[in-house]
Full PDB file with SEQRES, HELIX, SHEET, SSBOND, CRYST1, ORIGX, SCALE, CONECT and MASTER records, all heavy atoms in Angstrom:
SEQRES   1 A   34  PHE GLY THR ALA ASP PRO LEU TRP ILE ALA ARG TYR ALA          
SEQRES   2 A   34  SER ASP PRO GLY THR LEU PRO ALA GLY TRP SER TYR TYR          
SEQRES   3 A   34  THR MET TRP GLN TYR THR SER SER                              
SHEET    1 AA1 2 TRP A   8  ALA A  10  0                                        
SHEET    2 AA1 2 MET A  28  GLN A  30  1                                        
CRYST1    1.000    1.000    1.000  90.00  90.00  90.00 P 1           1          
ORIGX1      1.000000  0.000000  0.000000        0.00000                         
ORIGX2      0.000000  1.000000  0.000000        0.00000                         
ORIGX3      0.000000  0.000000  1.000000        0.00000                         
SCALE1      1.000000  0.000000  0.000000        0.00000                         
SCALE2      0.000000  1.000000  0.000000        0.00000                         
SCALE3      0.000000  0.000000  1.000000        0.00000                         
ATOM      1  N   PHE A   1     -19.186 -11.250 -25.233  1.00  0.00           N  
ATOM      2  CA  PHE A   1     -17.981 -10.778 -24.538  1.00  0.00           C  
ATOM      3  C   PHE A   1     -16.692 -11.147 -25.270  1.00  0.00           C  
ATOM      4  O   PHE A   1     -15.608 -10.704 -24.896  1.00  0.00           O  
ATOM      5  CB  PHE A   1     -17.917 -11.352 -23.116  1.00  0.00           C  
ATOM      6  CG  PHE A   1     -19.083 -10.958 -22.243  1.00  0.00           C  
ATOM      7  CD1 PHE A   1     -19.823 -11.929 -21.588  1.00  0.00           C  
ATOM      8  CD2 PHE A   1     -19.449  -9.627 -22.081  1.00  0.00           C  
ATOM      9  CE1 PHE A   1     -20.898 -11.577 -20.775  1.00  0.00           C  
ATOM     10  CE2 PHE A   1     -20.519  -9.262 -21.281  1.00  0.00           C  
ATOM     11  CZ  PHE A   1     -21.248 -10.243 -20.627  1.00  0.00           C  
ATOM     12  N   GLY A   2     -16.798 -11.961 -26.296  1.00  0.00           N  
ATOM     13  CA  GLY A   2     -15.610 -12.506 -26.936  1.00  0.00           C  
ATOM     14  C   GLY A   2     -14.733 -11.506 -27.666  1.00  0.00           C  
ATOM     15  O   GLY A   2     -13.545 -11.763 -27.860  1.00  0.00           O  
ATOM     16  N   THR A   3     -15.272 -10.376 -28.056  1.00  0.00           N  
ATOM     17  CA  THR A   3     -14.468  -9.413 -28.818  1.00  0.00           C  
ATOM     18  C   THR A   3     -13.508  -8.629 -27.935  1.00  0.00           C  
ATOM     19  O   THR A   3     -12.504  -8.109 -28.425  1.00  0.00           O  
ATOM     20  CB  THR A   3     -15.377  -8.418 -29.562  1.00  0.00           C  
ATOM     21  OG1 THR A   3     -16.243  -7.776 -28.612  1.00  0.00           O  
ATOM     22  CG2 THR A   3     -16.207  -9.134 -30.622  1.00  0.00           C  
ATOM     23  N   ALA A   4     -13.797  -8.527 -26.643  1.00  0.00           N  
ATOM     24  CA  ALA A   4     -12.974  -7.692 -25.768  1.00  0.00           C  
ATOM     25  C   ALA A   4     -12.269  -8.465 -24.658  1.00  0.00           C  
ATOM     26  O   ALA A   4     -11.129  -8.135 -24.310  1.00  0.00           O  
ATOM     27  CB  ALA A   4     -13.837  -6.592 -25.144  1.00  0.00           C  
ATOM     28  N   ASP A   5     -12.931  -9.455 -24.099  1.00  0.00           N  
ATOM     29  CA  ASP A   5     -12.414 -10.104 -22.895  1.00  0.00           C  
ATOM     30  C   ASP A   5     -11.754 -11.441 -23.225  1.00  0.00           C  
ATOM     31  O   ASP A   5     -12.408 -12.346 -23.758  1.00  0.00           O  
ATOM     32  CB  ASP A   5     -13.552 -10.317 -21.896  1.00  0.00           C  
ATOM     33  CG  ASP A   5     -14.182  -9.002 -21.482  1.00  0.00           C  
ATOM     34  OD1 ASP A   5     -13.639  -8.346 -20.577  1.00  0.00           O  
ATOM     35  OD2 ASP A   5     -15.213  -8.618 -22.085  1.00  0.00           O  
ATOM     36  N   PRO A   6     -10.469 -11.610 -22.900  1.00  0.00           N  
ATOM     37  CA  PRO A   6      -9.783 -12.872 -23.179  1.00  0.00           C  
ATOM     38  C   PRO A   6     -10.448 -14.038 -22.447  1.00  0.00           C  
ATOM     39  O   PRO A   6     -10.948 -13.882 -21.330  1.00  0.00           O  
ATOM     40  CB  PRO A   6      -8.363 -12.627 -22.639  1.00  0.00           C  
ATOM     41  CG  PRO A   6      -8.209 -11.138 -22.609  1.00  0.00           C  
ATOM     42  CD  PRO A   6      -9.568 -10.607 -22.303  1.00  0.00           C  
ATOM     43  N   LEU A   7     -10.456 -15.193 -23.088  1.00  0.00           N  
ATOM     44  CA  LEU A   7     -11.081 -16.387 -22.518  1.00  0.00           C  
ATOM     45  C   LEU A   7     -10.051 -17.280 -21.853  1.00  0.00           C  
ATOM     46  O   LEU A   7      -9.038 -17.645 -22.459  1.00  0.00           O  
ATOM     47  CB  LEU A   7     -11.798 -17.177 -23.613  1.00  0.00           C  
ATOM     48  CG  LEU A   7     -12.369 -18.543 -23.196  1.00  0.00           C  
ATOM     49  CD1 LEU A   7     -13.490 -18.389 -22.169  1.00  0.00           C  
ATOM     50  CD2 LEU A   7     -12.857 -19.311 -24.419  1.00  0.00           C  
ATOM     51  N   TRP A   8     -10.344 -17.657 -20.617  1.00  0.00           N  
ATOM     52  CA  TRP A   8      -9.577 -18.666 -19.889  1.00  0.00           C  
ATOM     53  C   TRP A   8     -10.519 -19.850 -19.721  1.00  0.00           C  
ATOM     54  O   TRP A   8     -11.426 -19.826 -18.918  1.00  0.00           O  
ATOM     55  CB  TRP A   8      -9.149 -18.092 -18.552  1.00  0.00           C  
ATOM     56  CG  TRP A   8      -8.193 -18.906 -17.744  1.00  0.00           C  
ATOM     57  CD1 TRP A   8      -7.748 -20.171 -17.996  1.00  0.00           C  
ATOM     58  CD2 TRP A   8      -7.546 -18.482 -16.530  1.00  0.00           C  
ATOM     59  NE1 TRP A   8      -6.869 -20.574 -17.017  1.00  0.00           N  
ATOM     60  CE2 TRP A   8      -6.725 -19.557 -16.105  1.00  0.00           C  
ATOM     61  CE3 TRP A   8      -7.593 -17.311 -15.778  1.00  0.00           C  
ATOM     62  CZ2 TRP A   8      -5.961 -19.484 -14.933  1.00  0.00           C  
ATOM     63  CZ3 TRP A   8      -6.832 -17.242 -14.621  1.00  0.00           C  
ATOM     64  CH2 TRP A   8      -6.019 -18.311 -14.209  1.00  0.00           C  
ATOM     65  N   ILE A   9     -10.294 -20.885 -20.510  1.00  0.00           N  
ATOM     66  CA  ILE A   9     -11.228 -22.003 -20.542  1.00  0.00           C  
ATOM     67  C   ILE A   9     -10.809 -23.091 -19.549  1.00  0.00           C  
ATOM     68  O   ILE A   9      -9.616 -23.352 -19.371  1.00  0.00           O  
ATOM     69  CB  ILE A   9     -11.343 -22.587 -21.980  1.00  0.00           C  
ATOM     70  CG1 ILE A   9     -12.520 -23.555 -22.098  1.00  0.00           C  
ATOM     71  CG2 ILE A   9     -10.036 -23.241 -22.416  1.00  0.00           C  
ATOM     72  CD1 ILE A   9     -13.867 -22.904 -21.965  1.00  0.00           C  
ATOM     73  N   ALA A  10     -11.783 -23.720 -18.926  1.00  0.00           N  
ATOM     74  CA  ALA A  10     -11.530 -24.820 -17.996  1.00  0.00           C  
ATOM     75  C   ALA A  10     -11.979 -26.124 -18.617  1.00  0.00           C  
ATOM     76  O   ALA A  10     -13.151 -26.293 -18.934  1.00  0.00           O  
ATOM     77  CB  ALA A  10     -12.285 -24.575 -16.688  1.00  0.00           C  
ATOM     78  N   ARG A  11     -11.032 -27.036 -18.802  1.00  0.00           N  
ATOM     79  CA  ARG A  11     -11.382 -28.376 -19.280  1.00  0.00           C  
ATOM     80  C   ARG A  11     -10.217 -29.310 -19.017  1.00  0.00           C  
ATOM     81  O   ARG A  11      -9.112 -29.081 -19.512  1.00  0.00           O  
ATOM     82  CB  ARG A  11     -11.727 -28.374 -20.768  1.00  0.00           C  
ATOM     83  CG  ARG A  11     -12.286 -29.730 -21.258  1.00  0.00           C  
ATOM     84  CD  ARG A  11     -12.853 -29.606 -22.659  1.00  0.00           C  
ATOM     85  NE  ARG A  11     -13.566 -30.807 -23.070  1.00  0.00           N  
ATOM     86  CZ  ARG A  11     -13.061 -31.732 -23.903  1.00  0.00           C  
ATOM     87  NH1 ARG A  11     -11.846 -31.576 -24.418  1.00  0.00           N  
ATOM     88  NH2 ARG A  11     -13.770 -32.793 -24.228  1.00  0.00           N  
ATOM     89  N   TYR A  12     -10.457 -30.331 -18.220  1.00  0.00           N  
ATOM     90  CA  TYR A  12      -9.404 -31.281 -17.856  1.00  0.00           C  
ATOM     91  C   TYR A  12      -9.422 -32.451 -18.837  1.00  0.00           C  
ATOM     92  O   TYR A  12     -10.038 -33.483 -18.610  1.00  0.00           O  
ATOM     93  CB  TYR A  12      -9.607 -31.771 -16.422  1.00  0.00           C  
ATOM     94  CG  TYR A  12      -9.622 -30.660 -15.385  1.00  0.00           C  
ATOM     95  CD1 TYR A  12     -10.107 -30.891 -14.108  1.00  0.00           C  
ATOM     96  CD2 TYR A  12      -9.151 -29.383 -15.682  1.00  0.00           C  
ATOM     97  CE1 TYR A  12     -10.119 -29.891 -13.144  1.00  0.00           C  
ATOM     98  CE2 TYR A  12      -9.167 -28.371 -14.733  1.00  0.00           C  
ATOM     99  CZ  TYR A  12      -9.654 -28.634 -13.465  1.00  0.00           C  
ATOM    100  OH  TYR A  12      -9.668 -27.646 -12.521  1.00  0.00           O  
ATOM    101  N   ALA A  13      -8.762 -32.249 -19.948  1.00  0.00           N  
ATOM    102  CA  ALA A  13      -8.795 -33.219 -21.040  1.00  0.00           C  
ATOM    103  C   ALA A  13      -7.576 -33.009 -21.929  1.00  0.00           C  
ATOM    104  O   ALA A  13      -6.711 -32.175 -21.645  1.00  0.00           O  
ATOM    105  CB  ALA A  13     -10.086 -33.062 -21.840  1.00  0.00           C  
ATOM    106  N   SER A  14      -7.504 -33.754 -23.032  1.00  0.00           N  
ATOM    107  CA  SER A  14      -6.364 -33.653 -23.933  1.00  0.00           C  
ATOM    108  C   SER A  14      -6.446 -32.430 -24.845  1.00  0.00           C  
ATOM    109  O   SER A  14      -5.471 -32.071 -25.498  1.00  0.00           O  
ATOM    110  CB  SER A  14      -6.250 -34.921 -24.784  1.00  0.00           C  
ATOM    111  OG  SER A  14      -7.455 -35.131 -25.504  1.00  0.00           O  
ATOM    112  N   ASP A  15      -7.614 -31.798 -24.890  1.00  0.00           N  
ATOM    113  CA  ASP A  15      -7.772 -30.574 -25.674  1.00  0.00           C  
ATOM    114  C   ASP A  15      -8.843 -29.716 -25.003  1.00  0.00           C  
ATOM    115  O   ASP A  15      -9.620 -30.209 -24.181  1.00  0.00           O  
ATOM    116  CB  ASP A  15      -8.147 -30.882 -27.121  1.00  0.00           C  
ATOM    117  CG  ASP A  15      -9.457 -31.636 -27.228  1.00  0.00           C  
ATOM    118  OD1 ASP A  15     -10.512 -31.029 -26.968  1.00  0.00           O  
ATOM    119  OD2 ASP A  15      -9.431 -32.840 -27.552  1.00  0.00           O  
ATOM    120  N   PRO A  16      -8.901 -28.419 -25.315  1.00  0.00           N  
ATOM    121  CA  PRO A  16      -9.852 -27.534 -24.633  1.00  0.00           C  
ATOM    122  C   PRO A  16     -11.291 -27.715 -25.064  1.00  0.00           C  
ATOM    123  O   PRO A  16     -12.196 -27.142 -24.443  1.00  0.00           O  
ATOM    124  CB  PRO A  16      -9.338 -26.136 -24.988  1.00  0.00           C  
ATOM    125  CG  PRO A  16      -8.583 -26.315 -26.261  1.00  0.00           C  
ATOM    126  CD  PRO A  16      -7.980 -27.679 -26.188  1.00  0.00           C  
ATOM    127  N   GLY A  17     -11.535 -28.477 -26.111  1.00  0.00           N  
ATOM    128  CA  GLY A  17     -12.902 -28.768 -26.524  1.00  0.00           C  
ATOM    129  C   GLY A  17     -13.604 -27.581 -27.170  1.00  0.00           C  
ATOM    130  O   GLY A  17     -12.976 -26.592 -27.567  1.00  0.00           O  
ATOM    131  N   THR A  18     -14.912 -27.678 -27.263  1.00  0.00           N  
ATOM    132  CA  THR A  18     -15.724 -26.607 -27.846  1.00  0.00           C  
ATOM    133  C   THR A  18     -15.704 -25.396 -26.931  1.00  0.00           C  
ATOM    134  O   THR A  18     -15.920 -25.500 -25.722  1.00  0.00           O  
ATOM    135  CB  THR A  18     -17.175 -27.078 -28.040  1.00  0.00           C  
ATOM    136  OG1 THR A  18     -17.174 -28.235 -28.875  1.00  0.00           O  
ATOM    137  CG2 THR A  18     -18.020 -25.989 -28.676  1.00  0.00           C  
ATOM    138  N   LEU A  19     -15.461 -24.231 -27.504  1.00  0.00           N  
ATOM    139  CA  LEU A  19     -15.393 -23.004 -26.713  1.00  0.00           C  
ATOM    140  C   LEU A  19     -16.772 -22.362 -26.618  1.00  0.00           C  
ATOM    141  O   LEU A  19     -17.647 -22.588 -27.457  1.00  0.00           O  
ATOM    142  CB  LEU A  19     -14.414 -22.029 -27.355  1.00  0.00           C  
ATOM    143  CG  LEU A  19     -12.979 -22.534 -27.545  1.00  0.00           C  
ATOM    144  CD1 LEU A  19     -12.119 -21.432 -28.174  1.00  0.00           C  
ATOM    145  CD2 LEU A  19     -12.374 -23.005 -26.235  1.00  0.00           C  
ATOM    146  N   PRO A  20     -16.993 -21.520 -25.605  1.00  0.00           N  
ATOM    147  CA  PRO A  20     -18.262 -20.797 -25.519  1.00  0.00           C  
ATOM    148  C   PRO A  20     -18.460 -19.882 -26.725  1.00  0.00           C  
ATOM    149  O   PRO A  20     -17.494 -19.485 -27.394  1.00  0.00           O  
ATOM    150  CB  PRO A  20     -18.109 -19.973 -24.223  1.00  0.00           C  
ATOM    151  CG  PRO A  20     -17.036 -20.652 -23.441  1.00  0.00           C  
ATOM    152  CD  PRO A  20     -16.107 -21.236 -24.463  1.00  0.00           C  
ATOM    153  N   ALA A  21     -19.701 -19.531 -26.974  1.00  0.00           N  
ATOM    154  CA  ALA A  21     -20.020 -18.647 -28.098  1.00  0.00           C  
ATOM    155  C   ALA A  21     -19.283 -17.318 -27.960  1.00  0.00           C  
ATOM    156  O   ALA A  21     -19.113 -16.794 -26.860  1.00  0.00           O  
ATOM    157  CB  ALA A  21     -21.523 -18.402 -28.161  1.00  0.00           C  
ATOM    158  N   GLY A  22     -18.852 -16.779 -29.108  1.00  0.00           N  
ATOM    159  CA  GLY A  22     -18.209 -15.475 -29.121  1.00  0.00           C  
ATOM    160  C   GLY A  22     -16.696 -15.533 -29.128  1.00  0.00           C  
ATOM    161  O   GLY A  22     -16.033 -14.542 -29.456  1.00  0.00           O  
ATOM    162  N   TRP A  23     -16.111 -16.680 -28.768  1.00  0.00           N  
ATOM    163  CA  TRP A  23     -14.661 -16.830 -28.765  1.00  0.00           C  
ATOM    164  C   TRP A  23     -14.245 -17.849 -29.824  1.00  0.00           C  
ATOM    165  O   TRP A  23     -14.684 -18.993 -29.795  1.00  0.00           O  
ATOM    166  CB  TRP A  23     -14.144 -17.293 -27.407  1.00  0.00           C  
ATOM    167  CG  TRP A  23     -14.146 -16.233 -26.350  1.00  0.00           C  
ATOM    168  CD1 TRP A  23     -13.239 -15.225 -26.174  1.00  0.00           C  
ATOM    169  CD2 TRP A  23     -15.103 -16.074 -25.286  1.00  0.00           C  
ATOM    170  NE1 TRP A  23     -13.560 -14.457 -25.088  1.00  0.00           N  
ATOM    171  CE2 TRP A  23     -14.712 -14.963 -24.515  1.00  0.00           C  
ATOM    172  CE3 TRP A  23     -16.258 -16.782 -24.906  1.00  0.00           C  
ATOM    173  CZ2 TRP A  23     -15.417 -14.533 -23.400  1.00  0.00           C  
ATOM    174  CZ3 TRP A  23     -16.971 -16.350 -23.794  1.00  0.00           C  
ATOM    175  CH2 TRP A  23     -16.547 -15.240 -23.061  1.00  0.00           C  
ATOM    176  N   SER A  24     -13.380 -17.439 -30.725  1.00  0.00           N  
ATOM    177  CA  SER A  24     -12.880 -18.363 -31.744  1.00  0.00           C  
ATOM    178  C   SER A  24     -11.592 -19.047 -31.293  1.00  0.00           C  
ATOM    179  O   SER A  24     -11.140 -20.004 -31.915  1.00  0.00           O  
ATOM    180  CB  SER A  24     -12.638 -17.619 -33.058  1.00  0.00           C  
ATOM    181  OG  SER A  24     -11.719 -16.553 -32.859  1.00  0.00           O  
ATOM    182  N   TYR A  25     -10.986 -18.547 -30.214  1.00  0.00           N  
ATOM    183  CA  TYR A  25      -9.779 -19.171 -29.659  1.00  0.00           C  
ATOM    184  C   TYR A  25      -9.719 -18.851 -28.171  1.00  0.00           C  
ATOM    185  O   TYR A  25     -10.343 -17.906 -27.691  1.00  0.00           O  
ATOM    186  CB  TYR A  25      -8.509 -18.669 -30.364  1.00  0.00           C  
ATOM    187  CG  TYR A  25      -8.255 -17.187 -30.184  1.00  0.00           C  
ATOM    188  CD1 TYR A  25      -7.457 -16.707 -29.132  1.00  0.00           C  
ATOM    189  CD2 TYR A  25      -8.811 -16.261 -31.062  1.00  0.00           C  
ATOM    190  CE1 TYR A  25      -7.231 -15.349 -28.970  1.00  0.00           C  
ATOM    191  CE2 TYR A  25      -8.595 -14.909 -30.914  1.00  0.00           C  
ATOM    192  CZ  TYR A  25      -7.809 -14.456 -29.863  1.00  0.00           C  
ATOM    193  OH  TYR A  25      -7.599 -13.108 -29.694  1.00  0.00           O  
ATOM    194  N   TYR A  26      -8.986 -19.651 -27.435  1.00  0.00           N  
ATOM    195  CA  TYR A  26      -8.794 -19.390 -26.004  1.00  0.00           C  
ATOM    196  C   TYR A  26      -7.453 -18.696 -25.805  1.00  0.00           C  
ATOM    197  O   TYR A  26      -6.506 -18.880 -26.584  1.00  0.00           O  
ATOM    198  CB  TYR A  26      -8.845 -20.691 -25.196  1.00  0.00           C  
ATOM    199  CG  TYR A  26      -7.694 -21.641 -25.451  1.00  0.00           C  
ATOM    200  CD1 TYR A  26      -6.518 -21.580 -24.698  1.00  0.00           C  
ATOM    201  CD2 TYR A  26      -7.763 -22.604 -26.463  1.00  0.00           C  
ATOM    202  CE1 TYR A  26      -5.462 -22.441 -24.938  1.00  0.00           C  
ATOM    203  CE2 TYR A  26      -6.710 -23.476 -26.702  1.00  0.00           C  
ATOM    204  CZ  TYR A  26      -5.556 -23.383 -25.940  1.00  0.00           C  
ATOM    205  OH  TYR A  26      -4.503 -24.226 -26.188  1.00  0.00           O  
ATOM    206  N   THR A  27      -7.356 -17.907 -24.759  1.00  0.00           N  
ATOM    207  CA  THR A  27      -6.085 -17.279 -24.395  1.00  0.00           C  
ATOM    208  C   THR A  27      -5.349 -18.133 -23.380  1.00  0.00           C  
ATOM    209  O   THR A  27      -4.137 -18.319 -23.460  1.00  0.00           O  
ATOM    210  CB  THR A  27      -6.321 -15.865 -23.839  1.00  0.00           C  
ATOM    211  OG1 THR A  27      -6.923 -15.065 -24.862  1.00  0.00           O  
ATOM    212  CG2 THR A  27      -5.018 -15.209 -23.401  1.00  0.00           C  
ATOM    213  N   MET A  28      -6.099 -18.678 -22.407  1.00  0.00           N  
ATOM    214  CA  MET A  28      -5.524 -19.571 -21.404  1.00  0.00           C  
ATOM    215  C   MET A  28      -6.414 -20.786 -21.245  1.00  0.00           C  
ATOM    216  O   MET A  28      -7.599 -20.733 -21.550  1.00  0.00           O  
ATOM    217  CB  MET A  28      -5.362 -18.831 -20.070  1.00  0.00           C  
ATOM    218  CG  MET A  28      -4.301 -17.743 -20.110  1.00  0.00           C  
ATOM    219  SD  MET A  28      -4.297 -16.682 -18.652  1.00  0.00           S  
ATOM    220  CE  MET A  28      -5.568 -15.516 -19.083  1.00  0.00           C  
ATOM    221  N   TRP A  29      -5.811 -21.865 -20.766  1.00  0.00           N  
ATOM    222  CA  TRP A  29      -6.541 -23.126 -20.613  1.00  0.00           C  
ATOM    223  C   TRP A  29      -6.091 -23.811 -19.324  1.00  0.00           C  
ATOM    224  O   TRP A  29      -4.924 -24.166 -19.191  1.00  0.00           O  
ATOM    225  CB  TRP A  29      -6.284 -24.005 -21.836  1.00  0.00           C  
ATOM    226  CG  TRP A  29      -6.713 -25.443 -21.733  1.00  0.00           C  
ATOM    227  CD1 TRP A  29      -7.702 -25.974 -20.950  1.00  0.00           C  
ATOM    228  CD2 TRP A  29      -6.154 -26.542 -22.467  1.00  0.00           C  
ATOM    229  NE1 TRP A  29      -7.809 -27.332 -21.140  1.00  0.00           N  
ATOM    230  CE2 TRP A  29      -6.861 -27.706 -22.070  1.00  0.00           C  
ATOM    231  CE3 TRP A  29      -5.143 -26.658 -23.413  1.00  0.00           C  
ATOM    232  CZ2 TRP A  29      -6.563 -28.965 -22.589  1.00  0.00           C  
ATOM    233  CZ3 TRP A  29      -4.855 -27.907 -23.936  1.00  0.00           C  
ATOM    234  CH2 TRP A  29      -5.570 -29.042 -23.528  1.00  0.00           C  
ATOM    235  N   GLN A  30      -7.024 -23.940 -18.378  1.00  0.00           N  
ATOM    236  CA  GLN A  30      -6.734 -24.722 -17.172  1.00  0.00           C  
ATOM    237  C   GLN A  30      -7.003 -26.188 -17.530  1.00  0.00           C  
ATOM    238  O   GLN A  30      -8.142 -26.575 -17.758  1.00  0.00           O  
ATOM    239  CB  GLN A  30      -7.611 -24.281 -15.999  1.00  0.00           C  
ATOM    240  CG  GLN A  30      -7.236 -24.955 -14.678  1.00  0.00           C  
ATOM    241  CD  GLN A  30      -8.250 -24.713 -13.582  1.00  0.00           C  
ATOM    242  OE1 GLN A  30      -9.448 -24.904 -13.786  1.00  0.00           O  
ATOM    243  NE2 GLN A  30      -7.791 -24.285 -12.417  1.00  0.00           N  
ATOM    244  N   TYR A  31      -5.940 -26.988 -17.551  1.00  0.00           N  
ATOM    245  CA  TYR A  31      -6.080 -28.335 -18.093  1.00  0.00           C  
ATOM    246  C   TYR A  31      -6.009 -29.436 -17.044  1.00  0.00           C  
ATOM    247  O   TYR A  31      -6.276 -30.602 -17.346  1.00  0.00           O  
ATOM    248  CB  TYR A  31      -5.045 -28.591 -19.187  1.00  0.00           C  
ATOM    249  CG  TYR A  31      -3.605 -28.640 -18.701  1.00  0.00           C  
ATOM    250  CD1 TYR A  31      -3.033 -29.839 -18.265  1.00  0.00           C  
ATOM    251  CD2 TYR A  31      -2.817 -27.493 -18.699  1.00  0.00           C  
ATOM    252  CE1 TYR A  31      -1.721 -29.893 -17.834  1.00  0.00           C  
ATOM    253  CE2 TYR A  31      -1.500 -27.539 -18.268  1.00  0.00           C  
ATOM    254  CZ  TYR A  31      -0.955 -28.734 -17.840  1.00  0.00           C  
ATOM    255  OH  TYR A  31       0.345 -28.778 -17.396  1.00  0.00           O  
ATOM    256  N   THR A  32      -5.631 -29.116 -15.800  1.00  0.00           N  
ATOM    257  CA  THR A  32      -5.584 -30.135 -14.762  1.00  0.00           C  
ATOM    258  C   THR A  32      -5.652 -29.503 -13.378  1.00  0.00           C  
ATOM    259  O   THR A  32      -5.304 -28.329 -13.199  1.00  0.00           O  
ATOM    260  CB  THR A  32      -4.300 -30.983 -14.864  1.00  0.00           C  
ATOM    261  OG1 THR A  32      -4.357 -32.068 -13.923  1.00  0.00           O  
ATOM    262  CG2 THR A  32      -3.055 -30.164 -14.572  1.00  0.00           C  
ATOM    263  N   SER A  33      -6.080 -30.303 -12.399  1.00  0.00           N  
ATOM    264  CA  SER A  33      -6.034 -29.894 -10.997  1.00  0.00           C  
ATOM    265  C   SER A  33      -5.093 -30.802 -10.215  1.00  0.00           C  
ATOM    266  O   SER A  33      -5.102 -30.800  -8.988  1.00  0.00           O  
ATOM    267  CB  SER A  33      -7.439 -29.962 -10.381  1.00  0.00           C  
ATOM    268  OG  SER A  33      -7.934 -31.291 -10.425  1.00  0.00           O  
ATOM    269  N   SER A  34      -4.288 -31.567 -10.929  1.00  0.00           N  
ATOM    270  CA  SER A  34      -3.387 -32.510 -10.264  1.00  0.00           C  
ATOM    271  C   SER A  34      -1.974 -32.456 -10.836  1.00  0.00           C  
ATOM    272  O   SER A  34      -1.321 -33.475 -11.045  1.00  0.00           O  
ATOM    273  CB  SER A  34      -3.940 -33.937 -10.366  1.00  0.00           C  
ATOM    274  OG  SER A  34      -4.169 -34.300 -11.718  1.00  0.00           O  
TER     275      SER A  34                                                      
MASTER        0    0    0    0    2    0    0    6  274    1    0    3          
END                                                                             
């Protein structure tokens, strides 16, 4: 799905970490719930 659908990655940390296969970059990053 990485060629067409933008990735919104969820990771509550100092960086988004390893991304799922097919995406070389994230478009959005949910980084906290607080």
